[in-house]
Amino acid sequence: MIFLRRALRIAVFTLVVLPLTAVIATQQAAADSRRQHQTDAGTARRMLAQLKVARPLSLRGYSHRRFQPRWAHHKGRCDARETVLSRDGRGVRRNAACHPVKGVWYSPYDGKRLRSEKLVDVDHVVPLAYAWRTGARTWSQARRRAFANDLTRPELVTVSHSANIAKGGQGPQSWRPQRRGYWCRYATSWITVKHHYRLFVTRKEKVALLNMLRTCSRS
């Protein structure tokens, strides 16, 4: 009987303490996430302040092929697109040519979970056409190609085909991810890429980015 009462006390203690521990851990993770977002936002604001503000240039002379006649190879047979799809997906299986034939991908722009490679695209966070209008038109072909295949900066991300089509070549003053919860990450990624490549921003673009960064403290 004494053993039974002790076992019951242990069971009750486990039922109460473990969920409480889980809640505390979750709250701590959320707090850490908020601090990280705030740090990222602060850094992004400083980088944004360093970027030149100017009027957008003409799209005259632009062609996708000036940046990307094809995806550059990254390792062996895998090109940059295939590398990003493998990086961003879950349970990705590739054929002998490195092309993904199976997997699950999450699109952070609209929250869709996609189970076919045909439904996803690899998006350039700063669109190639937009980069052209904000300074890339003066670059060498080699620099434009490096930009279009950059796996180091947050320039390439797997998204749904529908979200990629809706975005097109627009900047944040004209288009934002459907998921407001992704605005912080989107703005910091955009600014990080532009800062690294010394692309300028327009006045409306800068205002839109600052507005999106305000969501970071609530993420």
N, C-alpha and C. Protein backbone atom coordinates (compact mmCIF):
# COMPACT_ATOMS: atom_id res chain seq x y z
N MET A 1 0.83 -1.21 0.00
CA MET A 1 0.00 0.00 0.00
C MET A 1 0.86 1.25 0.00
N ILE A 2 1.89 1.23 0.86
CA ILE A 2 2.82 2.36 0.91
C ILE A 2 3.50 2.54 -0.44
N PHE A 3 3.88 1.43 -1.04
CA PHE A 3 4.52 1.47 -2.36
C PHE A 3 3.60 2.07 -3.40
N LEU A 4 2.29 1.70 -3.32
CA LEU A 4 1.31 2.19 -4.27
C LEU A 4 1.14 3.70 -4.14
N ARG A 5 1.06 4.20 -2.86
CA ARG A 5 0.91 5.64 -2.65
C ARG A 5 2.13 6.40 -3.18
N ARG A 6 3.30 5.82 -2.96
CA ARG A 6 4.53 6.46 -3.44
C ARG A 6 4.54 6.52 -4.97
N ALA A 7 4.09 5.44 -5.58
CA ALA A 7 4.04 5.40 -7.05
C ALA A 7 3.07 6.43 -7.60
N LEU A 8 1.93 6.58 -6.88
CA LEU A 8 0.95 7.57 -7.31
C LEU A 8 1.49 8.99 -7.19
N ARG A 9 2.24 9.24 -6.08
CA ARG A 9 2.82 10.58 -5.90
C ARG A 9 3.82 10.89 -7.01
N ILE A 10 4.62 9.89 -7.36
CA ILE A 10 5.61 10.06 -8.43
C ILE A 10 4.92 10.34 -9.76
N ALA A 11 3.82 9.61 -10.00
CA ALA A 11 3.08 9.79 -11.26
C ALA A 11 2.49 11.19 -11.35
N VAL A 12 1.89 11.65 -10.24
CA VAL A 12 1.31 12.99 -10.23
C VAL A 12 2.39 14.04 -10.42
N PHE A 13 3.51 13.85 -9.73
CA PHE A 13 4.64 14.79 -9.85
C PHE A 13 5.12 14.87 -11.30
N THR A 14 5.19 13.72 -11.95
CA THR A 14 5.64 13.67 -13.34
C THR A 14 4.67 14.39 -14.26
N LEU A 15 3.37 14.16 -14.04
CA LEU A 15 2.36 14.79 -14.87
C LEU A 15 2.35 16.30 -14.73
N VAL A 16 2.67 16.80 -13.55
CA VAL A 16 2.66 18.25 -13.30
C VAL A 16 3.96 18.91 -13.73
N VAL A 17 5.07 18.30 -13.34
CA VAL A 17 6.37 18.93 -13.54
C VAL A 17 6.82 18.90 -14.98
N LEU A 18 6.65 17.75 -15.66
CA LEU A 18 7.14 17.65 -17.02
C LEU A 18 6.47 18.64 -17.97
N PRO A 19 5.10 18.76 -17.94
CA PRO A 19 4.49 19.78 -18.80
C PRO A 19 4.97 21.18 -18.45
N LEU A 20 5.17 21.44 -17.12
CA LEU A 20 5.65 22.74 -16.70
C LEU A 20 7.05 23.00 -17.25
N THR A 21 7.88 21.96 -17.20
CA THR A 21 9.24 22.07 -17.74
C THR A 21 9.20 22.35 -19.24
N ALA A 22 8.28 21.67 -19.92
CA ALA A 22 8.14 21.87 -21.37
C ALA A 22 7.71 23.29 -21.68
N VAL A 23 6.77 23.82 -20.86
CA VAL A 23 6.30 25.19 -21.07
C VAL A 23 7.43 26.18 -20.87
N ILE A 24 8.21 25.96 -19.78
CA ILE A 24 9.33 26.85 -19.50
C ILE A 24 10.34 26.81 -20.63
N ALA A 25 10.63 25.59 -21.12
CA ALA A 25 11.59 25.45 -22.22
C ALA A 25 11.09 26.16 -23.47
N THR A 26 9.79 26.01 -23.73
CA THR A 26 9.21 26.66 -24.91
C THR A 26 9.27 28.18 -24.78
N GLN A 27 8.95 28.68 -23.57
CA GLN A 27 9.01 30.12 -23.35
C GLN A 27 10.43 30.64 -23.49
N GLN A 28 11.39 29.86 -22.99
CA GLN A 28 12.80 30.27 -23.09
C GLN A 28 13.24 30.31 -24.54
N ALA A 29 12.82 29.28 -25.31
CA ALA A 29 13.17 29.25 -26.74
C ALA A 29 12.57 30.44 -27.47
N ALA A 30 11.32 30.78 -27.11
CA ALA A 30 10.66 31.93 -27.73
C ALA A 30 11.39 33.22 -27.38
N ALA A 31 11.81 33.33 -26.11
CA ALA A 31 12.54 34.52 -25.68
C ALA A 31 13.87 34.63 -26.40
N ASP A 32 14.57 33.48 -26.51
CA ASP A 32 15.84 33.48 -27.24
C ASP A 32 15.62 33.88 -28.69
N SER A 33 14.52 33.37 -29.27
CA SER A 33 14.20 33.70 -30.66
C SER A 33 13.95 35.19 -30.82
N ARG A 34 13.20 35.78 -29.84
CA ARG A 34 12.92 37.20 -29.90
C ARG A 34 14.21 38.02 -29.80
N ARG A 35 15.10 37.60 -28.89
CA ARG A 35 16.37 38.32 -28.74
C ARG A 35 17.19 38.23 -30.02
N GLN A 36 17.17 37.04 -30.65
CA GLN A 36 17.92 36.86 -31.88
C GLN A 36 17.35 37.76 -32.98
N HIS A 37 16.00 37.81 -33.07
CA HIS A 37 15.37 38.66 -34.06
C HIS A 37 15.71 40.12 -33.82
N GLN A 38 15.73 40.53 -32.54
CA GLN A 38 16.04 41.91 -32.22
C GLN A 38 17.47 42.24 -32.60
N THR A 39 18.40 41.30 -32.33
CA THR A 39 19.79 41.51 -32.70
C THR A 39 19.92 41.62 -34.21
N ASP A 40 19.29 40.71 -34.91
CA ASP A 40 19.32 40.74 -36.36
C ASP A 40 18.74 42.03 -36.89
N ALA A 41 17.63 42.48 -36.30
CA ALA A 41 16.99 43.71 -36.75
C ALA A 41 17.89 44.91 -36.51
N GLY A 42 18.56 44.92 -35.35
CA GLY A 42 19.46 46.04 -35.05
C GLY A 42 20.61 46.10 -36.05
N THR A 43 21.19 44.94 -36.34
CA THR A 43 22.26 44.87 -37.33
C THR A 43 21.76 45.29 -38.70
N ALA A 44 20.56 44.82 -39.05
CA ALA A 44 19.98 45.15 -40.35
C ALA A 44 19.74 46.65 -40.47
N ARG A 45 19.26 47.26 -39.41
CA ARG A 45 19.03 48.72 -39.45
C ARG A 45 20.33 49.47 -39.67
N ARG A 46 21.39 49.02 -39.02
CA ARG A 46 22.69 49.68 -39.21
C ARG A 46 23.19 49.49 -40.64
N MET A 47 23.02 48.30 -41.18
CA MET A 47 23.45 48.06 -42.56
C MET A 47 22.61 48.88 -43.54
N LEU A 48 21.30 48.95 -43.27
CA LEU A 48 20.41 49.71 -44.15
C LEU A 48 20.79 51.18 -44.15
N ALA A 49 21.18 51.70 -43.00
CA ALA A 49 21.57 53.11 -42.90
C ALA A 49 22.83 53.41 -43.71
N GLN A 50 23.63 52.38 -43.97
CA GLN A 50 24.86 52.57 -44.72
C GLN A 50 24.66 52.52 -46.24
N LEU A 51 23.48 52.08 -46.67
CA LEU A 51 23.22 51.95 -48.11
C LEU A 51 22.82 53.29 -48.72
N LYS A 52 23.33 53.52 -49.90
CA LYS A 52 22.97 54.73 -50.64
C LYS A 52 21.50 54.70 -51.02
N VAL A 53 20.84 55.84 -50.95
CA VAL A 53 19.44 55.97 -51.37
C VAL A 53 19.41 56.74 -52.68
N ALA A 54 18.78 56.16 -53.69
CA ALA A 54 18.74 56.79 -55.01
C ALA A 54 17.50 56.34 -55.77
N ARG A 55 17.25 57.00 -56.87
CA ARG A 55 16.12 56.62 -57.71
C ARG A 55 16.48 55.36 -58.50
N PRO A 56 15.50 54.49 -58.74
CA PRO A 56 15.78 53.26 -59.50
C PRO A 56 16.21 53.57 -60.93
N LEU A 57 17.12 52.77 -61.43
CA LEU A 57 17.60 52.93 -62.80
C LEU A 57 16.63 52.27 -63.79
N SER A 58 16.85 52.54 -65.05
CA SER A 58 16.01 51.95 -66.09
C SER A 58 16.27 50.45 -66.20
N LEU A 59 15.26 49.72 -66.62
CA LEU A 59 15.40 48.28 -66.84
C LEU A 59 15.99 48.00 -68.22
N ARG A 60 16.25 49.05 -68.97
CA ARG A 60 16.78 48.90 -70.33
C ARG A 60 18.07 48.09 -70.31
N GLY A 61 18.16 47.12 -71.19
CA GLY A 61 19.35 46.30 -71.29
C GLY A 61 19.32 45.05 -70.43
N TYR A 62 18.30 44.95 -69.55
CA TYR A 62 18.25 43.80 -68.66
C TYR A 62 17.84 42.53 -69.40
N SER A 63 18.45 41.44 -69.00
CA SER A 63 18.07 40.11 -69.45
C SER A 63 18.45 39.14 -68.36
N HIS A 64 17.59 38.15 -68.15
CA HIS A 64 17.90 37.12 -67.15
C HIS A 64 19.24 36.47 -67.45
N ARG A 65 19.55 36.33 -68.71
CA ARG A 65 20.79 35.67 -69.11
C ARG A 65 22.03 36.49 -68.75
N ARG A 66 21.86 37.76 -68.50
CA ARG A 66 23.00 38.58 -68.08
C ARG A 66 23.46 38.19 -66.67
N PHE A 67 22.58 37.55 -65.92
CA PHE A 67 22.91 37.05 -64.59
C PHE A 67 23.09 35.54 -64.61
N GLN A 68 22.20 34.88 -65.31
CA GLN A 68 22.10 33.44 -65.14
C GLN A 68 21.70 32.72 -66.43
N PRO A 69 22.66 32.52 -67.30
CA PRO A 69 22.33 31.72 -68.48
C PRO A 69 21.91 30.30 -68.09
N ARG A 70 22.41 29.85 -66.94
CA ARG A 70 22.01 28.57 -66.34
C ARG A 70 22.49 28.58 -64.90
N TRP A 71 21.95 27.67 -64.08
CA TRP A 71 22.39 27.55 -62.70
C TRP A 71 23.84 27.06 -62.67
N ALA A 72 24.66 27.68 -61.86
CA ALA A 72 26.07 27.28 -61.74
C ALA A 72 26.18 25.99 -60.93
N HIS A 73 27.14 25.16 -61.28
CA HIS A 73 27.37 23.94 -60.51
C HIS A 73 28.06 24.26 -59.20
N HIS A 74 27.63 23.53 -58.17
CA HIS A 74 28.15 23.78 -56.84
C HIS A 74 29.12 22.68 -56.42
N LYS A 75 28.64 21.45 -56.41
CA LYS A 75 29.48 20.31 -56.08
C LYS A 75 29.14 19.17 -57.02
N GLY A 76 30.13 18.66 -57.71
CA GLY A 76 29.91 17.54 -58.62
C GLY A 76 28.84 17.87 -59.65
N ARG A 77 27.82 17.02 -59.70
CA ARG A 77 26.76 17.20 -60.67
C ARG A 77 25.67 18.17 -60.18
N CYS A 78 25.72 18.55 -58.92
CA CYS A 78 24.66 19.38 -58.33
C CYS A 78 24.86 20.86 -58.65
N ASP A 79 23.84 21.48 -59.22
CA ASP A 79 23.92 22.92 -59.44
C ASP A 79 23.35 23.65 -58.23
N ALA A 80 23.37 24.98 -58.27
CA ALA A 80 22.96 25.78 -57.12
C ALA A 80 21.49 25.53 -56.78
N ARG A 81 20.64 25.41 -57.78
CA ARG A 81 19.21 25.19 -57.52
C ARG A 81 18.99 23.85 -56.81
N GLU A 82 19.62 22.82 -57.31
CA GLU A 82 19.47 21.49 -56.72
C GLU A 82 20.02 21.46 -55.29
N THR A 83 21.09 22.22 -55.06
CA THR A 83 21.68 22.30 -53.73
C THR A 83 20.71 22.96 -52.76
N VAL A 84 20.06 24.04 -53.19
CA VAL A 84 19.11 24.75 -52.33
C VAL A 84 17.89 23.88 -52.04
N LEU A 85 17.40 23.17 -53.04
CA LEU A 85 16.24 22.29 -52.84
C LEU A 85 16.57 21.18 -51.83
N SER A 86 17.77 20.66 -51.89
CA SER A 86 18.18 19.63 -50.94
C SER A 86 18.35 20.22 -49.55
N ARG A 87 18.88 21.43 -49.49
CA ARG A 87 19.10 22.11 -48.20
C ARG A 87 17.79 22.44 -47.50
N ASP A 88 16.82 22.91 -48.26
CA ASP A 88 15.57 23.41 -47.68
C ASP A 88 14.50 22.34 -47.50
N GLY A 89 14.67 21.20 -48.13
CA GLY A 89 13.63 20.17 -48.07
C GLY A 89 13.86 19.15 -46.97
N ARG A 90 12.85 18.33 -46.76
CA ARG A 90 12.93 17.21 -45.82
C ARG A 90 12.74 15.91 -46.58
N GLY A 91 13.55 14.92 -46.25
CA GLY A 91 13.44 13.62 -46.91
C GLY A 91 13.66 13.70 -48.40
N VAL A 92 14.57 14.57 -48.83
CA VAL A 92 14.81 14.77 -50.27
C VAL A 92 15.62 13.60 -50.84
N ARG A 93 15.10 13.03 -51.92
CA ARG A 93 15.81 11.99 -52.65
C ARG A 93 16.15 12.52 -54.04
N ARG A 94 17.38 12.26 -54.47
CA ARG A 94 17.84 12.77 -55.77
C ARG A 94 18.20 11.61 -56.70
N ASN A 95 18.06 11.86 -57.98
CA ASN A 95 18.46 10.83 -58.95
C ASN A 95 19.96 10.93 -59.22
N ALA A 96 20.42 10.15 -60.16
CA ALA A 96 21.86 10.10 -60.44
C ALA A 96 22.40 11.43 -60.94
N ALA A 97 21.51 12.25 -61.51
CA ALA A 97 21.93 13.56 -62.02
C ALA A 97 21.79 14.66 -60.98
N CYS A 98 21.45 14.29 -59.73
CA CYS A 98 21.32 15.21 -58.59
C CYS A 98 19.98 15.96 -58.55
N HIS A 99 19.09 15.62 -59.45
CA HIS A 99 17.80 16.32 -59.48
C HIS A 99 16.86 15.72 -58.43
N PRO A 100 16.25 16.55 -57.57
CA PRO A 100 15.33 16.02 -56.55
C PRO A 100 14.11 15.35 -57.19
N VAL A 101 13.82 14.13 -56.77
CA VAL A 101 12.66 13.41 -57.30
C VAL A 101 11.60 13.18 -56.22
N LYS A 102 11.98 13.43 -54.98
CA LYS A 102 11.02 13.24 -53.89
C LYS A 102 11.45 14.10 -52.71
N GLY A 103 10.46 14.59 -51.95
CA GLY A 103 10.75 15.39 -50.77
C GLY A 103 9.55 16.21 -50.35
N VAL A 104 9.72 16.91 -49.25
CA VAL A 104 8.68 17.82 -48.75
C VAL A 104 9.34 19.18 -48.53
N TRP A 105 8.72 20.23 -49.05
CA TRP A 105 9.28 21.57 -48.94
C TRP A 105 8.27 22.51 -48.29
N TYR A 106 8.76 23.37 -47.42
CA TYR A 106 7.92 24.37 -46.77
C TYR A 106 8.22 25.73 -47.39
N SER A 107 7.19 26.42 -47.83
CA SER A 107 7.35 27.74 -48.42
C SER A 107 7.12 28.81 -47.36
N PRO A 108 8.17 29.51 -46.90
CA PRO A 108 8.00 30.48 -45.83
C PRO A 108 7.21 31.72 -46.23
N TYR A 109 7.09 31.97 -47.53
CA TYR A 109 6.35 33.15 -47.97
C TYR A 109 4.85 33.03 -47.71
N ASP A 110 4.30 31.83 -47.92
CA ASP A 110 2.85 31.66 -47.80
C ASP A 110 2.44 30.50 -46.89
N GLY A 111 3.41 29.83 -46.28
CA GLY A 111 3.10 28.77 -45.33
C GLY A 111 2.66 27.45 -45.95
N LYS A 112 2.85 27.29 -47.25
CA LYS A 112 2.43 26.05 -47.89
C LYS A 112 3.47 24.96 -47.71
N ARG A 113 2.98 23.72 -47.52
CA ARG A 113 3.85 22.55 -47.45
C ARG A 113 3.63 21.75 -48.73
N LEU A 114 4.68 21.57 -49.49
CA LEU A 114 4.56 21.02 -50.84
C LEU A 114 5.32 19.70 -50.96
N ARG A 115 4.70 18.74 -51.61
CA ARG A 115 5.27 17.40 -51.72
C ARG A 115 5.71 17.04 -53.14
N SER A 116 5.83 18.03 -53.97
CA SER A 116 6.31 17.79 -55.33
C SER A 116 7.28 18.90 -55.74
N GLU A 117 8.39 18.51 -56.30
CA GLU A 117 9.40 19.47 -56.75
C GLU A 117 8.82 20.37 -57.84
N LYS A 118 7.80 19.90 -58.52
CA LYS A 118 7.19 20.69 -59.58
C LYS A 118 6.42 21.89 -59.04
N LEU A 119 6.11 21.89 -57.75
CA LEU A 119 5.32 22.96 -57.14
C LEU A 119 6.17 24.01 -56.45
N VAL A 120 7.49 23.83 -56.48
CA VAL A 120 8.37 24.77 -55.78
C VAL A 120 9.32 25.46 -56.75
N ASP A 121 9.79 26.62 -56.34
CA ASP A 121 10.80 27.37 -57.07
C ASP A 121 11.90 27.77 -56.10
N VAL A 122 13.07 28.06 -56.63
CA VAL A 122 14.13 28.67 -55.83
C VAL A 122 14.09 30.16 -56.16
N ASP A 123 13.70 30.94 -55.18
CA ASP A 123 13.53 32.38 -55.37
C ASP A 123 14.81 33.15 -55.07
N HIS A 124 15.08 34.17 -55.89
CA HIS A 124 16.11 35.15 -55.56
C HIS A 124 15.45 36.19 -54.67
N VAL A 125 15.84 36.26 -53.41
CA VAL A 125 15.21 37.19 -52.47
C VAL A 125 15.23 38.60 -53.04
N VAL A 126 16.39 39.07 -53.45
CA VAL A 126 16.48 40.31 -54.23
C VAL A 126 16.42 39.90 -55.68
N PRO A 127 15.29 40.14 -56.37
CA PRO A 127 15.14 39.67 -57.74
C PRO A 127 16.24 40.20 -58.66
N LEU A 128 16.58 39.41 -59.65
CA LEU A 128 17.65 39.81 -60.57
C LEU A 128 17.33 41.13 -61.26
N ALA A 129 16.09 41.28 -61.71
CA ALA A 129 15.69 42.52 -62.38
C ALA A 129 15.77 43.71 -61.43
N TYR A 130 15.42 43.48 -60.17
CA TYR A 130 15.46 44.58 -59.19
C TYR A 130 16.91 44.94 -58.87
N ALA A 131 17.76 43.93 -58.79
CA ALA A 131 19.19 44.18 -58.57
C ALA A 131 19.77 45.00 -59.72
N TRP A 132 19.34 44.70 -60.94
CA TRP A 132 19.79 45.43 -62.12
C TRP A 132 19.47 46.91 -61.99
N ARG A 133 18.27 47.21 -61.52
CA ARG A 133 17.81 48.60 -61.42
C ARG A 133 18.41 49.35 -60.23
N THR A 134 19.06 48.62 -59.33
CA THR A 134 19.63 49.28 -58.16
C THR A 134 21.15 49.08 -58.07
N GLY A 135 21.78 48.96 -59.23
CA GLY A 135 23.23 48.96 -59.28
C GLY A 135 23.92 47.85 -60.03
N ALA A 136 23.26 46.72 -60.23
CA ALA A 136 23.93 45.57 -60.85
C ALA A 136 24.16 45.74 -62.35
N ARG A 137 23.50 46.70 -62.95
CA ARG A 137 23.70 46.92 -64.40
C ARG A 137 25.13 47.30 -64.72
N THR A 138 25.88 47.82 -63.75
CA THR A 138 27.27 48.23 -63.98
C THR A 138 28.27 47.13 -63.65
N TRP A 139 27.78 46.00 -63.16
CA TRP A 139 28.68 44.92 -62.77
C TRP A 139 29.23 44.17 -63.97
N SER A 140 30.27 43.38 -63.69
CA SER A 140 30.79 42.46 -64.70
C SER A 140 29.85 41.25 -64.78
N GLN A 141 29.96 40.52 -65.87
CA GLN A 141 29.16 39.32 -66.03
C GLN A 141 29.46 38.31 -64.92
N ALA A 142 30.72 38.23 -64.54
CA ALA A 142 31.13 37.27 -63.50
C ALA A 142 30.49 37.62 -62.15
N ARG A 143 30.43 38.91 -61.82
CA ARG A 143 29.83 39.31 -60.55
C ARG A 143 28.32 39.07 -60.56
N ARG A 144 27.68 39.33 -61.68
CA ARG A 144 26.24 39.07 -61.75
C ARG A 144 25.96 37.58 -61.63
N ARG A 145 26.80 36.76 -62.22
CA ARG A 145 26.61 35.31 -62.14
C ARG A 145 26.81 34.83 -60.69
N ALA A 146 27.81 35.40 -60.01
CA ALA A 146 28.05 35.03 -58.61
C ALA A 146 26.85 35.42 -57.75
N PHE A 147 26.26 36.57 -58.02
CA PHE A 147 25.08 37.03 -57.28
C PHE A 147 23.91 36.07 -57.47
N ALA A 148 23.69 35.66 -58.69
CA ALA A 148 22.53 34.81 -59.01
C ALA A 148 22.65 33.41 -58.45
N ASN A 149 23.87 33.00 -58.08
CA ASN A 149 24.10 31.64 -57.58
C ASN A 149 24.70 31.63 -56.17
N ASP A 150 24.48 32.71 -55.43
CA ASP A 150 25.10 32.88 -54.12
C ASP A 150 24.46 31.96 -53.07
N LEU A 151 25.25 31.02 -52.56
CA LEU A 151 24.77 30.10 -51.52
C LEU A 151 25.26 30.51 -50.13
N THR A 152 26.00 31.59 -50.05
CA THR A 152 26.54 32.05 -48.77
C THR A 152 25.62 33.08 -48.12
N ARG A 153 25.20 34.08 -48.88
CA ARG A 153 24.24 35.05 -48.38
C ARG A 153 22.82 34.47 -48.48
N PRO A 154 21.85 35.06 -47.76
CA PRO A 154 20.47 34.54 -47.80
C PRO A 154 19.71 35.00 -49.03
N GLU A 155 20.29 34.77 -50.21
CA GLU A 155 19.69 35.24 -51.45
C GLU A 155 18.79 34.19 -52.11
N LEU A 156 19.03 32.92 -51.82
CA LEU A 156 18.27 31.85 -52.46
C LEU A 156 17.45 31.09 -51.43
N VAL A 157 16.15 30.97 -51.69
CA VAL A 157 15.26 30.28 -50.75
C VAL A 157 14.18 29.53 -51.53
N THR A 158 13.83 28.35 -51.06
CA THR A 158 12.80 27.55 -51.70
C THR A 158 11.42 28.05 -51.28
N VAL A 159 10.59 28.36 -52.27
CA VAL A 159 9.23 28.86 -52.01
C VAL A 159 8.27 28.17 -52.98
N SER A 160 6.98 28.39 -52.76
CA SER A 160 5.99 27.82 -53.69
C SER A 160 6.08 28.55 -55.03
N HIS A 161 5.76 27.83 -56.08
CA HIS A 161 5.77 28.42 -57.42
C HIS A 161 4.80 29.59 -57.50
N SER A 162 3.64 29.46 -56.86
CA SER A 162 2.64 30.52 -56.92
C SER A 162 3.14 31.80 -56.24
N ALA A 163 3.84 31.66 -55.11
CA ALA A 163 4.37 32.83 -54.42
C ALA A 163 5.46 33.50 -55.24
N ASN A 164 6.29 32.69 -55.88
CA ASN A 164 7.37 33.23 -56.70
C ASN A 164 6.83 34.01 -57.89
N ILE A 165 5.78 33.48 -58.50
CA ILE A 165 5.16 34.16 -59.65
C ILE A 165 4.53 35.48 -59.20
N ALA A 166 3.86 35.45 -58.04
CA ALA A 166 3.21 36.66 -57.53
C ALA A 166 4.24 37.75 -57.22
N LYS A 167 5.39 37.37 -56.72
CA LYS A 167 6.43 38.33 -56.38
C LYS A 167 7.07 38.93 -57.62
N GLY A 168 7.43 38.10 -58.57
CA GLY A 168 8.08 38.58 -59.77
C GLY A 168 9.36 39.33 -59.46
N GLY A 169 9.52 40.50 -60.07
CA GLY A 169 10.73 41.30 -59.85
C GLY A 169 10.49 42.48 -58.94
N GLN A 170 9.48 42.39 -58.07
CA GLN A 170 9.09 43.52 -57.24
C GLN A 170 9.93 43.65 -55.96
N GLY A 171 10.03 44.88 -55.48
CA GLY A 171 10.70 45.17 -54.23
C GLY A 171 9.72 45.14 -53.08
N PRO A 172 10.20 45.30 -51.83
CA PRO A 172 9.32 45.21 -50.66
C PRO A 172 8.29 46.34 -50.56
N GLN A 173 8.47 47.40 -51.30
CA GLN A 173 7.47 48.46 -51.30
C GLN A 173 6.24 48.07 -52.12
N SER A 174 6.38 47.04 -52.94
CA SER A 174 5.28 46.60 -53.80
C SER A 174 4.77 45.21 -53.46
N TRP A 175 5.65 44.39 -52.90
CA TRP A 175 5.27 43.00 -52.58
C TRP A 175 5.94 42.57 -51.28
N ARG A 176 5.17 41.88 -50.43
CA ARG A 176 5.69 41.31 -49.19
C ARG A 176 5.16 39.90 -49.05
N PRO A 177 5.88 39.03 -48.34
CA PRO A 177 5.38 37.67 -48.13
C PRO A 177 3.99 37.68 -47.50
N GLN A 178 3.17 36.75 -47.91
CA GLN A 178 1.81 36.64 -47.39
C GLN A 178 1.83 36.43 -45.87
N ARG A 179 2.79 35.68 -45.39
CA ARG A 179 2.92 35.43 -43.96
C ARG A 179 3.63 36.59 -43.28
N ARG A 180 2.89 37.34 -42.48
CA ARG A 180 3.47 38.48 -41.76
C ARG A 180 4.59 38.04 -40.82
N GLY A 181 4.47 36.81 -40.30
CA GLY A 181 5.49 36.29 -39.40
C GLY A 181 6.85 36.12 -40.05
N TYR A 182 6.91 36.19 -41.37
CA TYR A 182 8.19 36.04 -42.09
C TYR A 182 8.78 37.39 -42.50
N TRP A 183 8.07 38.46 -42.23
CA TRP A 183 8.54 39.78 -42.67
C TRP A 183 9.90 40.14 -42.09
N CYS A 184 10.11 39.82 -40.81
CA CYS A 184 11.39 40.13 -40.18
C CYS A 184 12.53 39.44 -40.91
N ARG A 185 12.39 38.14 -41.12
CA ARG A 185 13.43 37.36 -41.79
C ARG A 185 13.62 37.85 -43.23
N TYR A 186 12.52 38.17 -43.89
CA TYR A 186 12.60 38.61 -45.28
C TYR A 186 13.36 39.93 -45.37
N ALA A 187 13.04 40.89 -44.49
CA ALA A 187 13.69 42.19 -44.53
C ALA A 187 15.18 42.08 -44.19
N THR A 188 15.52 41.30 -43.16
CA THR A 188 16.93 41.16 -42.80
C THR A 188 17.71 40.46 -43.90
N SER A 189 17.10 39.48 -44.55
CA SER A 189 17.77 38.80 -45.66
C SER A 189 18.00 39.77 -46.82
N TRP A 190 16.97 40.54 -47.15
CA TRP A 190 17.05 41.50 -48.26
C TRP A 190 18.18 42.50 -48.01
N ILE A 191 18.21 43.05 -46.79
CA ILE A 191 19.22 44.05 -46.45
C ILE A 191 20.61 43.44 -46.43
N THR A 192 20.75 42.23 -45.91
CA THR A 192 22.05 41.55 -45.87
C THR A 192 22.63 41.39 -47.27
N VAL A 193 21.79 40.97 -48.20
CA VAL A 193 22.23 40.78 -49.59
C VAL A 193 22.62 42.11 -50.21
N LYS A 194 21.77 43.10 -50.05
CA LYS A 194 22.06 44.41 -50.66
C LYS A 194 23.32 45.04 -50.06
N HIS A 195 23.50 44.87 -48.77
CA HIS A 195 24.68 45.45 -48.12
C HIS A 195 25.95 44.77 -48.62
N HIS A 196 25.92 43.46 -48.73
CA HIS A 196 27.11 42.74 -49.20
C HIS A 196 27.50 43.16 -50.60
N TYR A 197 26.52 43.31 -51.47
CA TYR A 197 26.80 43.62 -52.87
C TYR A 197 26.80 45.13 -53.17
N ARG A 198 26.61 45.94 -52.12
CA ARG A 198 26.63 47.39 -52.27
C ARG A 198 25.61 47.89 -53.29
N LEU A 199 24.45 47.29 -53.27
CA LEU A 199 23.35 47.76 -54.10
C LEU A 199 22.64 48.88 -53.35
N PHE A 200 22.19 49.91 -54.07
CA PHE A 200 21.50 50.99 -53.37
C PHE A 200 20.03 50.66 -53.18
N VAL A 201 19.36 51.46 -52.37
CA VAL A 201 17.92 51.28 -52.14
C VAL A 201 17.20 52.55 -52.56
N THR A 202 15.93 52.41 -52.90
CA THR A 202 15.12 53.58 -53.19
C THR A 202 14.50 54.08 -51.89
N ARG A 203 13.98 55.29 -51.92
CA ARG A 203 13.38 55.86 -50.71
C ARG A 203 12.20 55.02 -50.23
N LYS A 204 11.31 54.63 -51.15
CA LYS A 204 10.14 53.83 -50.77
C LYS A 204 10.54 52.44 -50.30
N GLU A 205 11.56 51.90 -50.92
CA GLU A 205 12.07 50.58 -50.52
C GLU A 205 12.59 50.62 -49.08
N LYS A 206 13.35 51.67 -48.75
CA LYS A 206 13.90 51.81 -47.41
C LYS A 206 12.79 51.93 -46.37
N VAL A 207 11.77 52.72 -46.67
CA VAL A 207 10.65 52.87 -45.74
C VAL A 207 9.95 51.54 -45.52
N ALA A 208 9.74 50.79 -46.61
CA ALA A 208 9.08 49.48 -46.51
C ALA A 208 9.90 48.51 -45.67
N LEU A 209 11.21 48.51 -45.85
CA LEU A 209 12.08 47.62 -45.08
C LEU A 209 12.06 47.97 -43.60
N LEU A 210 12.09 49.25 -43.28
CA LEU A 210 12.03 49.67 -41.88
C LEU A 210 10.70 49.26 -41.24
N ASN A 211 9.63 49.38 -42.00
CA ASN A 211 8.32 48.95 -41.49
C ASN A 211 8.29 47.45 -41.22
N MET A 212 8.91 46.67 -42.09
CA MET A 212 8.95 45.23 -41.89
C MET A 212 9.82 44.85 -40.70
N LEU A 213 10.89 45.61 -40.48
CA LEU A 213 11.76 45.33 -39.34
C LEU A 213 11.07 45.58 -38.01
N ARG A 214 10.03 46.39 -38.02
CA ARG A 214 9.29 46.65 -36.78
C ARG A 214 8.56 45.39 -36.28
N THR A 215 8.37 44.41 -37.16
CA THR A 215 7.70 43.18 -36.75
C THR A 215 8.65 42.24 -36.01
N CYS A 216 9.94 42.53 -36.05
CA CYS A 216 10.93 41.60 -35.47
C CYS A 216 10.74 41.42 -33.97
N SER A 217 10.44 42.49 -33.24
CA SER A 217 10.31 42.40 -31.80
C SER A 217 9.07 41.62 -31.39
N ARG A 218 8.14 41.43 -32.33
CA ARG A 218 6.91 40.69 -32.02
C ARG A 218 6.93 39.29 -32.60
N SER A 219 8.07 38.89 -33.21
CA SER A 219 8.14 37.58 -33.85
C SER A 219 8.26 36.48 -32.80
